[in-house]
Amino acid sequence: MTIPVKSPFAFLWDEPASEPFTTLLKRHWDFHPVFDTDGLLEKITGAFAWDADGFVDALRIKSETDAAALRTDRAGGKVWEREGDALDVLHQLVDIPEPSDPRAPRLVIGSAPRLWTP
């Protein structure tokens, strides 16, 4: 007899994680499952392009305790980033203001070019 194994992503459909995840789905985020070589779900990635502003929001969930999200500007500069617990990251992503909102992050997170060393 085979015992069904609970998916490590089942938490996304349970309270309280389902609320922010459902919010992103309602906002027409584009989600893609990523499978490993055995056909098991390895991670879920998602993205949303803000057409009017040229910003892009992205999300990666590997497990209930390993998630990351970011927002980039039209030039690809990172203006906002969060990592950690999936529920925390989802809530912060849902709460980030739209790029056109004056409260939205706009300053590119510093990343100096690498110096060439001989």
PDB file of N, CA and C in Angstrom:
ATOM      1  N   MET A   1       0.838  -1.179   0.000  1.00  0.00           N
ATOM      2  CA  MET A   1       0.000   0.000   0.000  1.00  0.00           C
ATOM      3  C   MET A   1       0.883   1.242   0.000  1.00  0.00           C
ATOM      4  N   THR A   2       0.554   2.188  -0.886  1.00  0.00           N
ATOM      5  CA  THR A   2       1.315   3.428  -0.984  1.00  0.00           C
ATOM      6  C   THR A   2       0.672   4.493  -0.108  1.00  0.00           C
ATOM      7  N   ILE A   3       1.487   5.108   0.707  1.00  0.00           N
ATOM      8  CA  ILE A   3       1.002   6.183   1.576  1.00  0.00           C
ATOM      9  C   ILE A   3       1.225   7.501   0.847  1.00  0.00           C
ATOM     10  N   PRO A   4       0.160   8.305   0.684  1.00  0.00           N
ATOM     11  CA  PRO A   4       0.328   9.577  -0.012  1.00  0.00           C
ATOM     12  C   PRO A   4       1.239  10.509   0.789  1.00  0.00           C
ATOM     13  N   VAL A   5       2.100  11.188   0.079  1.00  0.00           N
ATOM     14  CA  VAL A   5       3.013  12.139   0.704  1.00  0.00           C
ATOM     15  C   VAL A   5       2.459  13.537   0.509  1.00  0.00           C
ATOM     16  N   LYS A   6       2.418  14.306   1.590  1.00  0.00           N
ATOM     17  CA  LYS A   6       1.924  15.675   1.506  1.00  0.00           C
ATOM     18  C   LYS A   6       2.969  16.533   0.801  1.00  0.00           C
ATOM     19  N   SER A   7       2.547  17.297  -0.160  1.00  0.00           N
ATOM     20  CA  SER A   7       3.443  18.180  -0.900  1.00  0.00           C
ATOM     21  C   SER A   7       4.016  19.239   0.035  1.00  0.00           C
ATOM     22  N   PRO A   8       5.309  19.564  -0.125  1.00  0.00           N
ATOM     23  CA  PRO A   8       5.880  20.632   0.690  1.00  0.00           C
ATOM     24  C   PRO A   8       5.314  22.002   0.326  1.00  0.00           C
ATOM     25  N   PHE A   9       4.498  22.061  -0.721  1.00  0.00           N
ATOM     26  CA  PHE A   9       3.884  23.313  -1.135  1.00  0.00           C
ATOM     27  C   PHE A   9       2.408  23.393  -0.766  1.00  0.00           C
ATOM     28  N   ALA A  10       1.910  22.385  -0.069  1.00  0.00           N
ATOM     29  CA  ALA A  10       0.495  22.364   0.324  1.00  0.00           C
ATOM     30  C   ALA A  10       0.131  23.557   1.189  1.00  0.00           C
ATOM     31  N   PHE A  11       1.089  24.105   1.930  1.00  0.00           N
ATOM     32  CA  PHE A  11       0.818  25.245   2.803  1.00  0.00           C
ATOM     33  C   PHE A  11       0.281  26.451   2.029  1.00  0.00           C
ATOM     34  N   LEU A  12       0.591  26.534   0.727  1.00  0.00           N
ATOM     35  CA  LEU A  12       0.114  27.659  -0.074  1.00  0.00           C
ATOM     36  C   LEU A  12      -1.404  27.667  -0.227  1.00  0.00           C
ATOM     37  N   TRP A  13      -2.028  26.514  -0.020  1.00  0.00           N
ATOM     38  CA  TRP A  13      -3.478  26.432  -0.153  1.00  0.00           C
ATOM     39  C   TRP A  13      -4.164  26.371   1.198  1.00  0.00           C
ATOM     40  N   ASP A  14      -3.400  26.462   2.265  1.00  0.00           N
ATOM     41  CA  ASP A  14      -3.941  26.466   3.615  1.00  0.00           C
ATOM     42  C   ASP A  14      -3.876  27.883   4.174  1.00  0.00           C
ATOM     43  N   GLU A  15      -4.758  28.169   5.139  1.00  0.00           N
ATOM     44  CA  GLU A  15      -4.668  29.446   5.842  1.00  0.00           C
ATOM     45  C   GLU A  15      -3.422  29.431   6.684  1.00  0.00           C
ATOM     46  N   PRO A  16      -2.714  30.507   6.903  1.00  0.00           N
ATOM     47  CA  PRO A  16      -2.967  31.857   6.389  1.00  0.00           C
ATOM     48  C   PRO A  16      -2.244  32.169   5.079  1.00  0.00           C
ATOM     49  N   ALA A  17      -1.432  31.258   4.556  1.00  0.00           N
ATOM     50  CA  ALA A  17      -0.657  31.541   3.339  1.00  0.00           C
ATOM     51  C   ALA A  17      -1.542  31.692   2.113  1.00  0.00           C
ATOM     52  N   SER A  18      -2.694  31.061   2.108  1.00  0.00           N
ATOM     53  CA  SER A  18      -3.539  31.106   0.919  1.00  0.00           C
ATOM     54  C   SER A  18      -4.022  32.513   0.612  1.00  0.00           C
ATOM     55  N   GLU A  19      -4.196  33.353   1.633  1.00  0.00           N
ATOM     56  CA  GLU A  19      -4.711  34.708   1.399  1.00  0.00           C
ATOM     57  C   GLU A  19      -3.782  35.549   0.518  1.00  0.00           C
ATOM     58  N   PRO A  20      -2.481  35.719   0.869  1.00  0.00           N
ATOM     59  CA  PRO A  20      -1.639  36.518  -0.020  1.00  0.00           C
ATOM     60  C   PRO A  20      -1.362  35.826  -1.357  1.00  0.00           C
ATOM     61  N   PHE A  21      -1.271  34.506  -1.364  1.00  0.00           N
ATOM     62  CA  PHE A  21      -1.048  33.792  -2.625  1.00  0.00           C
ATOM     63  C   PHE A  21      -2.241  33.978  -3.561  1.00  0.00           C
ATOM     64  N   THR A  22      -3.455  33.885  -3.016  1.00  0.00           N
ATOM     65  CA  THR A  22      -4.664  34.107  -3.804  1.00  0.00           C
ATOM     66  C   THR A  22      -4.731  35.543  -4.312  1.00  0.00           C
ATOM     67  N   THR A  23      -4.284  36.497  -3.491  1.00  0.00           N
ATOM     68  CA  THR A  23      -4.251  37.893  -3.912  1.00  0.00           C
ATOM     69  C   THR A  23      -3.370  38.061  -5.143  1.00  0.00           C
ATOM     70  N   LEU A  24      -2.205  37.419  -5.139  1.00  0.00           N
ATOM     71  CA  LEU A  24      -1.323  37.511  -6.305  1.00  0.00           C
ATOM     72  C   LEU A  24      -1.959  36.872  -7.532  1.00  0.00           C
ATOM     73  N   LEU A  25      -2.646  35.755  -7.343  1.00  0.00           N
ATOM     74  CA  LEU A  25      -3.343  35.120  -8.467  1.00  0.00           C
ATOM     75  C   LEU A  25      -4.415  36.048  -9.037  1.00  0.00           C
ATOM     76  N   LYS A  26      -5.141  36.729  -8.167  1.00  0.00           N
ATOM     77  CA  LYS A  26      -6.187  37.668  -8.612  1.00  0.00           C
ATOM     78  C   LYS A  26      -5.600  38.867  -9.338  1.00  0.00           C
ATOM     79  N   ARG A  27      -4.352  39.190  -9.022  1.00  0.00           N
ATOM     80  CA  ARG A  27      -3.665  40.309  -9.693  1.00  0.00           C
ATOM     81  C   ARG A  27      -3.040  39.869 -11.021  1.00  0.00           C
ATOM     82  N   HIS A  28      -3.309  38.643 -11.414  1.00  0.00           N
ATOM     83  CA  HIS A  28      -2.861  38.080 -12.700  1.00  0.00           C
ATOM     84  C   HIS A  28      -1.353  37.862 -12.780  1.00  0.00           C
ATOM     85  N   TRP A  29      -0.784  37.437 -11.661  1.00  0.00           N
ATOM     86  CA  TRP A  29       0.615  37.032 -11.672  1.00  0.00           C
ATOM     87  C   TRP A  29       0.749  35.795 -12.547  1.00  0.00           C
ATOM     88  N   ASP A  30       1.883  35.637 -13.162  1.00  0.00           N
ATOM     89  CA  ASP A  30       2.186  34.480 -14.002  1.00  0.00           C
ATOM     90  C   ASP A  30       3.063  33.529 -13.181  1.00  0.00           C
ATOM     91  N   PHE A  31       2.513  32.371 -12.798  1.00  0.00           N
ATOM     92  CA  PHE A  31       3.241  31.400 -11.977  1.00  0.00           C
ATOM     93  C   PHE A  31       3.659  30.188 -12.804  1.00  0.00           C
ATOM     94  N   HIS A  32       4.845  29.660 -12.463  1.00  0.00           N
ATOM     95  CA  HIS A  32       5.368  28.488 -13.155  1.00  0.00           C
ATOM     96  C   HIS A  32       5.959  27.511 -12.147  1.00  0.00           C
ATOM     97  N   PRO A  33       5.516  26.265 -12.183  1.00  0.00           N
ATOM     98  CA  PRO A  33       6.155  25.261 -11.331  1.00  0.00           C
ATOM     99  C   PRO A  33       7.468  24.816 -11.971  1.00  0.00           C
ATOM    100  N   VAL A  34       8.447  24.499 -11.144  1.00  0.00           N
ATOM    101  CA  VAL A  34       9.730  23.986 -11.615  1.00  0.00           C
ATOM    102  C   VAL A  34       9.903  22.604 -10.994  1.00  0.00           C
ATOM    103  N   PHE A  35      10.121  21.593 -11.850  1.00  0.00           N
ATOM    104  CA  PHE A  35      10.219  20.213 -11.398  1.00  0.00           C
ATOM    105  C   PHE A  35      11.667  19.731 -11.433  1.00  0.00           C
ATOM    106  N   ASP A  36      12.006  18.829 -10.528  1.00  0.00           N
ATOM    107  CA  ASP A  36      13.347  18.239 -10.542  1.00  0.00           C
ATOM    108  C   ASP A  36      13.373  17.088 -11.547  1.00  0.00           C
ATOM    109  N   THR A  37      14.493  16.400 -11.638  1.00  0.00           N
ATOM    110  CA  THR A  37      14.646  15.334 -12.634  1.00  0.00           C
ATOM    111  C   THR A  37      13.738  14.135 -12.373  1.00  0.00           C
ATOM    112  N   ASP A  38      13.240  13.996 -11.134  1.00  0.00           N
ATOM    113  CA  ASP A  38      12.316  12.912 -10.801  1.00  0.00           C
ATOM    114  C   ASP A  38      10.858  13.304 -11.010  1.00  0.00           C
ATOM    115  N   GLY A  39      10.634  14.529 -11.484  1.00  0.00           N
ATOM    116  CA  GLY A  39       9.282  14.993 -11.726  1.00  0.00           C
ATOM    117  C   GLY A  39       8.590  15.551 -10.487  1.00  0.00           C
ATOM    118  N   LEU A  40       9.337  15.755  -9.404  1.00  0.00           N
ATOM    119  CA  LEU A  40       8.759  16.317  -8.186  1.00  0.00           C
ATOM    120  C   LEU A  40       8.882  17.840  -8.212  1.00  0.00           C
ATOM    121  N   LEU A  41       7.876  18.500  -7.673  1.00  0.00           N
ATOM    122  CA  LEU A  41       7.875  19.955  -7.632  1.00  0.00           C
ATOM    123  C   LEU A  41       9.032  20.444  -6.770  1.00  0.00           C
ATOM    124  N   GLU A  42       9.920  21.221  -7.372  1.00  0.00           N
ATOM    125  CA  GLU A  42      11.117  21.713  -6.701  1.00  0.00           C
ATOM    126  C   GLU A  42      10.927  23.124  -6.165  1.00  0.00           C
ATOM    127  N   LYS A  43      10.263  23.966  -6.978  1.00  0.00           N
ATOM    128  CA  LYS A  43       9.990  25.333  -6.551  1.00  0.00           C
ATOM    129  C   LYS A  43       8.893  25.918  -7.431  1.00  0.00           C
ATOM    130  N   ILE A  44       8.349  27.012  -6.954  1.00  0.00           N
ATOM    131  CA  ILE A  44       7.344  27.762  -7.705  1.00  0.00           C
ATOM    132  C   ILE A  44       7.913  29.145  -7.941  1.00  0.00           C
ATOM    133  N   THR A  45       7.894  29.589  -9.181  1.00  0.00           N
ATOM    134  CA  THR A  45       8.348  30.938  -9.498  1.00  0.00           C
ATOM    135  C   THR A  45       7.167  31.723 -10.062  1.00  0.00           C
ATOM    136  N   GLY A  46       7.210  33.022  -9.876  1.00  0.00           N
ATOM    137  CA  GLY A  46       6.147  33.866 -10.393  1.00  0.00           C
ATOM    138  C   GLY A  46       6.677  35.247 -10.714  1.00  0.00           C
ATOM    139  N   ALA A  47       5.972  35.935 -11.601  1.00  0.00           N
ATOM    140  CA  ALA A  47       6.376  37.284 -11.979  1.00  0.00           C
ATOM    141  C   ALA A  47       5.156  38.096 -12.382  1.00  0.00           C
ATOM    142  N   PHE A  48       5.303  39.397 -12.234  1.00  0.00           N
ATOM    143  CA  PHE A  48       4.265  40.328 -12.657  1.00  0.00           C
ATOM    144  C   PHE A  48       4.939  41.568 -13.215  1.00  0.00           C
ATOM    145  N   ALA A  49       4.599  41.947 -14.450  1.00  0.00           N
ATOM    146  CA  ALA A  49       5.164  43.143 -15.080  1.00  0.00           C
ATOM    147  C   ALA A  49       4.172  44.287 -14.960  1.00  0.00           C
ATOM    148  N   TRP A  50       4.654  45.402 -14.428  1.00  0.00           N
ATOM    149  CA  TRP A  50       3.849  46.620 -14.326  1.00  0.00           C
ATOM    150  C   TRP A  50       4.024  47.354 -15.649  1.00  0.00           C
ATOM    151  N   ASP A  51       3.103  47.137 -16.582  1.00  0.00           N
ATOM    152  CA  ASP A  51       3.249  47.656 -17.944  1.00  0.00           C
ATOM    153  C   ASP A  51       3.460  49.161 -18.007  1.00  0.00           C
ATOM    154  N   ALA A  52       2.693  49.925 -17.260  1.00  0.00           N
ATOM    155  CA  ALA A  52       2.769  51.379 -17.343  1.00  0.00           C
ATOM    156  C   ALA A  52       4.087  51.925 -16.799  1.00  0.00           C
ATOM    157  N   ASP A  53       4.690  51.236 -15.848  1.00  0.00           N
ATOM    158  CA  ASP A  53       5.877  51.767 -15.183  1.00  0.00           C
ATOM    159  C   ASP A  53       7.171  51.068 -15.578  1.00  0.00           C
ATOM    160  N   GLY A  54       7.088  49.893 -16.177  1.00  0.00           N
ATOM    161  CA  GLY A  54       8.277  49.163 -16.573  1.00  0.00           C
ATOM    162  C   GLY A  54       8.946  48.393 -15.449  1.00  0.00           C
ATOM    163  N   PHE A  55       8.301  48.321 -14.295  1.00  0.00           N
ATOM    164  CA  PHE A  55       8.846  47.560 -13.179  1.00  0.00           C
ATOM    165  C   PHE A  55       8.377  46.114 -13.279  1.00  0.00           C
ATOM    166  N   VAL A  56       9.144  45.202 -12.671  1.00  0.00           N
ATOM    167  CA  VAL A  56       8.782  43.789 -12.632  1.00  0.00           C
ATOM    168  C   VAL A  56       8.950  43.290 -11.209  1.00  0.00           C
ATOM    169  N   ASP A  57       7.923  42.585 -10.714  1.00  0.00           N
ATOM    170  CA  ASP A  57       7.996  41.915  -9.418  1.00  0.00           C
ATOM    171  C   ASP A  57       8.193  40.429  -9.683  1.00  0.00           C
ATOM    172  N   ALA A  58       9.003  39.769  -8.856  1.00  0.00           N
ATOM    173  CA  ALA A  58       9.264  38.347  -9.034  1.00  0.00           C
ATOM    174  C   ALA A  58       9.249  37.647  -7.679  1.00  0.00           C
ATOM    175  N   LEU A  59       8.910  36.366  -7.714  1.00  0.00           N
ATOM    176  CA  LEU A  59       8.805  35.563  -6.500  1.00  0.00           C
ATOM    177  C   LEU A  59       9.350  34.171  -6.771  1.00  0.00           C
ATOM    178  N   ARG A  60      10.051  33.604  -5.755  1.00  0.00           N
ATOM    179  CA  ARG A  60      10.522  32.230  -5.814  1.00  0.00           C
ATOM    180  C   ARG A  60      10.238  31.589  -4.473  1.00  0.00           C
ATOM    181  N   ILE A  61       9.522  30.457  -4.497  1.00  0.00           N
ATOM    182  CA  ILE A  61       9.222  29.724  -3.266  1.00  0.00           C
ATOM    183  C   ILE A  61       9.786  28.322  -3.414  1.00  0.00           C
ATOM    184  N   LYS A  62      10.720  27.960  -2.515  1.00  0.00           N
ATOM    185  CA  LYS A  62      11.287  26.610  -2.501  1.00  0.00           C
ATOM    186  C   LYS A  62      10.647  25.760  -1.415  1.00  0.00           C
ATOM    187  N   SER A  63      10.215  26.399  -0.349  1.00  0.00           N
ATOM    188  CA  SER A  63       9.568  25.684   0.751  1.00  0.00           C
ATOM    189  C   SER A  63       8.882  26.704   1.648  1.00  0.00           C
ATOM    190  N   GLU A  64       8.269  26.223   2.675  1.00  0.00           N
ATOM    191  CA  GLU A  64       7.574  27.093   3.615  1.00  0.00           C
ATOM    192  C   GLU A  64       8.540  28.041   4.324  1.00  0.00           C
ATOM    193  N   THR A  65       9.805  27.654   4.405  1.00  0.00           N
ATOM    194  CA  THR A  65      10.796  28.476   5.106  1.00  0.00           C
ATOM    195  C   THR A  65      11.836  29.097   4.179  1.00  0.00           C
ATOM    196  N   ASP A  66      11.682  28.924   2.873  1.00  0.00           N
ATOM    197  CA  ASP A  66      12.670  29.432   1.918  1.00  0.00           C
ATOM    198  C   ASP A  66      11.971  30.080   0.731  1.00  0.00           C
ATOM    199  N   ALA A  67      11.885  31.410   0.787  1.00  0.00           N
ATOM    200  CA  ALA A  67      11.252  32.155  -0.300  1.00  0.00           C
ATOM    201  C   ALA A  67      12.005  33.466  -0.513  1.00  0.00           C
ATOM    202  N   ALA A  68      11.857  34.026  -1.695  1.00  0.00           N
ATOM    203  CA  ALA A  68      12.488  35.304  -2.015  1.00  0.00           C
ATOM    204  C   ALA A  68      11.609  36.055  -3.006  1.00  0.00           C
ATOM    205  N   ALA A  69      11.627  37.383  -2.893  1.00  0.00           N
ATOM    206  CA  ALA A  69      10.878  38.235  -3.814  1.00  0.00           C
ATOM    207  C   ALA A  69      11.704  39.473  -4.095  1.00  0.00           C
ATOM    208  N   LEU A  70      11.482  40.053  -5.263  1.00  0.00           N
ATOM    209  CA  LEU A  70      12.173  41.299  -5.587  1.00  0.00           C
ATOM    210  C   LEU A  70      11.372  42.105  -6.591  1.00  0.00           C
ATOM    211  N   ARG A  71      11.727  43.395  -6.665  1.00  0.00           N
ATOM    212  CA  ARG A  71      11.172  44.295  -7.680  1.00  0.00           C
ATOM    213  C   ARG A  71      12.346  44.947  -8.387  1.00  0.00           C
ATOM    214  N   THR A  72      12.280  44.968  -9.712  1.00  0.00           N
ATOM    215  CA  THR A  72      13.313  45.630 -10.503  1.00  0.00           C
ATOM    216  C   THR A  72      12.694  46.776 -11.289  1.00  0.00           C
ATOM    217  N   ASP A  73      13.513  47.790 -11.580  1.00  0.00           N
ATOM    218  CA  ASP A  73      13.040  48.897 -12.398  1.00  0.00           C
ATOM    219  C   ASP A  73      13.209  48.552 -13.877  1.00  0.00           C
ATOM    220  N   ARG A  74      12.859  49.475 -14.753  1.00  0.00           N
ATOM    221  CA  ARG A  74      12.895  49.181 -16.201  1.00  0.00           C
ATOM    222  C   ARG A  74      14.295  48.905 -16.721  1.00  0.00           C
ATOM    223  N   ALA A  75      15.320  49.373 -15.990  1.00  0.00           N
ATOM    224  CA  ALA A  75      16.699  49.115 -16.405  1.00  0.00           C
ATOM    225  C   ALA A  75      17.252  47.829 -15.793  1.00  0.00           C
ATOM    226  N   GLY A  76      16.431  47.136 -14.990  1.00  0.00           N
ATOM    227  CA  GLY A  76      16.874  45.896 -14.363  1.00  0.00           C
ATOM    228  C   GLY A  76      17.503  46.094 -12.997  1.00  0.00           C
ATOM    229  N   GLY A  77      17.494  47.345 -12.497  1.00  0.00           N
ATOM    230  CA  GLY A  77      18.051  47.614 -11.175  1.00  0.00           C
ATOM    231  C   GLY A  77      17.110  47.139 -10.079  1.00  0.00           C
ATOM    232  N   LYS A  78      17.669  46.506  -9.066  1.00  0.00           N
ATOM    233  CA  LYS A  78      16.877  45.980  -7.956  1.00  0.00           C
ATOM    234  C   LYS A  78      16.500  47.127  -7.017  1.00  0.00           C
ATOM    235  N   VAL A  79      15.179  47.343  -6.813  1.00  0.00           N
ATOM    236  CA  VAL A  79      14.734  48.428  -5.933  1.00  0.00           C
ATOM    237  C   VAL A  79      14.123  47.917  -4.625  1.00  0.00           C
ATOM    238  N   TRP A  80      13.837  46.631  -4.564  1.00  0.00           N
ATOM    239  CA  TRP A  80      13.251  46.043  -3.349  1.00  0.00           C
ATOM    240  C   TRP A  80      13.527  44.555  -3.372  1.00  0.00           C
ATOM    241  N   GLU A  81      13.847  43.982  -2.187  1.00  0.00           N
ATOM    242  CA  GLU A  81      14.139  42.559  -2.119  1.00  0.00           C
ATOM    243  C   GLU A  81      13.856  42.047  -0.714  1.00  0.00           C
ATOM    244  N   ARG A  82      13.287  40.839  -0.633  1.00  0.00           N
ATOM    245  CA  ARG A  82      13.046  40.183   0.650  1.00  0.00           C
ATOM    246  C   ARG A  82      13.340  38.697   0.501  1.00  0.00           C
ATOM    247  N   GLU A  83      13.858  38.100   1.583  1.00  0.00           N
ATOM    248  CA  GLU A  83      14.112  36.663   1.633  1.00  0.00           C
ATOM    249  C   GLU A  83      13.685  36.154   2.995  1.00  0.00           C
ATOM    250  N   GLY A  84      13.304  34.870   3.046  1.00  0.00           N
ATOM    251  CA  GLY A  84      12.982  34.262   4.326  1.00  0.00           C
ATOM    252  C   GLY A  84      11.790  33.344   4.253  1.00  0.00           C
ATOM    253  N   ASP A  85      11.014  33.350   5.322  1.00  0.00           N
ATOM    254  CA  ASP A  85       9.821  32.531   5.459  1.00  0.00           C
ATOM    255  C   ASP A  85       8.821  32.898   4.357  1.00  0.00           C
ATOM    256  N   ALA A  86       8.250  31.899   3.711  1.00  0.00           N
ATOM    257  CA  ALA A  86       7.343  32.146   2.582  1.00  0.00           C
ATOM    258  C   ALA A  86       6.158  33.022   2.964  1.00  0.00           C
ATOM    259  N   LEU A  87       5.569  32.786   4.114  1.00  0.00           N
ATOM    260  CA  LEU A  87       4.413  33.580   4.524  1.00  0.00           C
ATOM    261  C   LEU A  87       4.797  35.043   4.707  1.00  0.00           C
ATOM    262  N   ASP A  88       5.932  35.309   5.344  1.00  0.00           N
ATOM    263  CA  ASP A  88       6.385  36.691   5.527  1.00  0.00           C
ATOM    264  C   ASP A  88       6.658  37.362   4.187  1.00  0.00           C
ATOM    265  N   VAL A  89       7.358  36.655   3.305  1.00  0.00           N
ATOM    266  CA  VAL A  89       7.684  37.209   1.997  1.00  0.00           C
ATOM    267  C   VAL A  89       6.415  37.486   1.191  1.00  0.00           C
ATOM    268  N   LEU A  90       5.464  36.563   1.220  1.00  0.00           N
ATOM    269  CA  LEU A  90       4.203  36.763   0.495  1.00  0.00           C
ATOM    270  C   LEU A  90       3.460  37.996   0.996  1.00  0.00           C
ATOM    271  N   HIS A  91       3.368  38.155   2.307  1.00  0.00           N
ATOM    272  CA  HIS A  91       2.672  39.323   2.864  1.00  0.00           C
ATOM    273  C   HIS A  91       3.377  40.623   2.497  1.00  0.00           C
ATOM    274  N   GLN A  92       4.703  40.644   2.558  1.00  0.00           N
ATOM    275  CA  GLN A  92       5.431  41.858   2.191  1.00  0.00           C
ATOM    276  C   GLN A  92       5.264  42.175   0.711  1.00  0.00           C
ATOM    277  N   LEU A  93       5.232  41.151  -0.123  1.00  0.00           N
ATOM    278  CA  LEU A  93       5.053  41.348  -1.556  1.00  0.00           C
ATOM    279  C   LEU A  93       3.670  41.907  -1.865  1.00  0.00           C
ATOM    280  N   VAL A  94       2.663  41.402  -1.196  1.00  0.00           N
ATOM    281  CA  VAL A  94       1.296  41.891  -1.406  1.00  0.00           C
ATOM    282  C   VAL A  94       1.169  43.342  -0.931  1.00  0.00           C
ATOM    283  N   ASP A  95       1.902  43.689   0.130  1.00  0.00           N
ATOM    284  CA  ASP A  95       1.780  45.018   0.723  1.00  0.00           C
ATOM    285  C   ASP A  95       2.638  46.088   0.062  1.00  0.00           C
ATOM    286  N   ILE A  96       3.584  45.711  -0.788  1.00  0.00           N
ATOM    287  CA  ILE A  96       4.439  46.720  -1.419  1.00  0.00           C
ATOM    288  C   ILE A  96       3.579  47.595  -2.341  1.00  0.00           C
ATOM    289  N   PRO A  97       3.713  48.916  -2.233  1.00  0.00           N
ATOM    290  CA  PRO A  97       2.890  49.796  -3.075  1.00  0.00           C
ATOM    291  C   PRO A  97       3.204  49.633  -4.564  1.00  0.00           C
ATOM    292  N   GLU A  98       2.214  49.918  -5.390  1.00  0.00           N
ATOM    293  CA  GLU A  98       2.427  49.899  -6.841  1.00  0.00           C
ATOM    294  C   GLU A  98       3.551  50.871  -7.189  1.00  0.00           C
ATOM    295  N   PRO A  99       4.289  50.610  -8.255  1.00  0.00           N
ATOM    296  CA  PRO A  99       5.416  51.488  -8.614  1.00  0.00           C
ATOM    297  C   PRO A  99       5.029  52.956  -8.797  1.00  0.00           C
ATOM    298  N   SER A 100       3.807  53.219  -9.227  1.00  0.00           N
ATOM    299  CA  SER A 100       3.375  54.608  -9.436  1.00  0.00           C
ATOM    300  C   SER A 100       3.035  55.324  -8.128  1.00  0.00           C
ATOM    301  N   ASP A 101       2.905  54.587  -7.037  1.00  0.00           N
ATOM    302  CA  ASP A 101       2.597  55.165  -5.727  1.00  0.00           C
ATOM    303  C   ASP A 101       3.836  55.900  -5.208  1.00  0.00           C
ATOM    304  N   PRO A 102       3.686  57.111  -4.688  1.00  0.00           N
ATOM    305  CA  PRO A 102       4.844  57.848  -4.165  1.00  0.00           C
ATOM    306  C   PRO A 102       5.580  57.124  -3.027  1.00  0.00           C
ATOM    307  N   ARG A 103       4.896  56.206  -2.345  1.00  0.00           N
ATOM    308  CA  ARG A 103       5.517  55.454  -1.246  1.00  0.00           C
ATOM    309  C   ARG A 103       6.312  54.240  -1.734  1.00  0.00           C
ATOM    310  N   ALA A 104       6.232  53.923  -3.012  1.00  0.00           N
ATOM    311  CA  ALA A 104       6.904  52.742  -3.557  1.00  0.00           C
ATOM    312  C   ALA A 104       8.420  52.946  -3.587  1.00  0.00           C
ATOM    313  N   PRO A 105       9.178  51.867  -3.375  1.00  0.00           N
ATOM    314  CA  PRO A 105      10.632  51.986  -3.456  1.00  0.00           C
ATOM    315  C   PRO A 105      11.073  52.291  -4.880  1.00  0.00           C
ATOM    316  N   ARG A 106      12.026  53.214  -5.012  1.00  0.00           N
ATOM    317  CA  ARG A 106      12.523  53.607  -6.331  1.00  0.00           C
ATOM    318  C   ARG A 106      14.043  53.606  -6.403  1.00  0.00           C
ATOM    319  N   LEU A 107      14.673  53.765  -5.260  1.00  0.00           N
ATOM    320  CA  LEU A 107      16.125  53.855  -5.228  1.00  0.00           C
ATOM    321  C   LEU A 107      16.733  52.480  -5.479  1.00  0.00           C
ATOM    322  N   VAL A 108      17.591  52.394  -6.470  1.00  0.00           N
ATOM    323  CA  VAL A 108      18.231  51.119  -6.797  1.00  0.00           C
ATOM    324  C   VAL A 108      19.154  50.729  -5.648  1.00  0.00           C
ATOM    325  N   ILE A 109      19.008  49.488  -5.199  1.00  0.00           N
ATOM    326  CA  ILE A 109      19.840  48.974  -4.125  1.00  0.00           C
ATOM    327  C   ILE A 109      21.279  48.935  -4.626  1.00  0.00           C
ATOM    328  N   GLY A 110      22.176  49.555  -3.884  1.00  0.00           N
ATOM    329  CA  GLY A 110      23.559  49.724  -4.317  1.00  0.00           C
ATOM    330  C   GLY A 110      24.258  48.447  -4.722  1.00  0.00           C
ATOM    331  N   SER A 111      24.874  48.494  -5.855  1.00  0.00           N
ATOM    332  CA  SER A 111      25.742  47.398  -6.292  1.00  0.00           C
ATOM    333  C   SER A 111      26.812  48.019  -7.184  1.00  0.00           C
ATOM    334  N   ALA A 112      27.969  48.207  -6.619  1.00  0.00           N
ATOM    335  CA  ALA A 112      29.066  48.820  -7.371  1.00  0.00           C
ATOM    336  C   ALA A 112      29.614  47.827  -8.376  1.00  0.00           C
ATOM    337  N   PRO A 113      30.080  48.312  -9.516  1.00  0.00           N
ATOM    338  CA  PRO A 113      30.696  47.405 -10.485  1.00  0.00           C
ATOM    339  C   PRO A 113      31.962  46.807  -9.890  1.00  0.00           C
ATOM    340  N   ARG A 114      32.240  45.585 -10.253  1.00  0.00           N
ATOM    341  CA  ARG A 114      33.455  44.928  -9.765  1.00  0.00           C
ATOM    342  C   ARG A 114      34.678  45.593 -10.381  1.00  0.00           C
ATOM    343  N   LEU A 115      35.659  45.780  -9.543  1.00  0.00           N
ATOM    344  CA  LEU A 115      36.906  46.340 -10.031  1.00  0.00           C
ATOM    345  C   LEU A 115      37.695  45.254 -10.741  1.00  0.00           C
ATOM    346  N   TRP A 116      38.302  45.620 -11.825  1.00  0.00           N
ATOM    347  CA  TRP A 116      39.137  44.683 -12.545  1.00  0.00           C
ATOM    348  C   TRP A 116      40.461  44.558 -11.807  1.00  0.00           C
ATOM    349  N   THR A 117      40.872  43.348 -11.555  1.00  0.00           N
ATOM    350  CA  THR A 117      42.169  43.133 -10.929  1.00  0.00           C
ATOM    351  C   THR A 117      43.022  42.290 -11.848  1.00  0.00           C
ATOM    352  N   PRO A 118      44.235  42.722 -12.081  1.00  0.00           N
ATOM    353  CA  PRO A 118      45.112  42.000 -13.011  1.00  0.00           C
ATOM    354  C   PRO A 118      45.532  40.641 -12.467  1.00  0.00           C
TER     355      PRO A 118
END
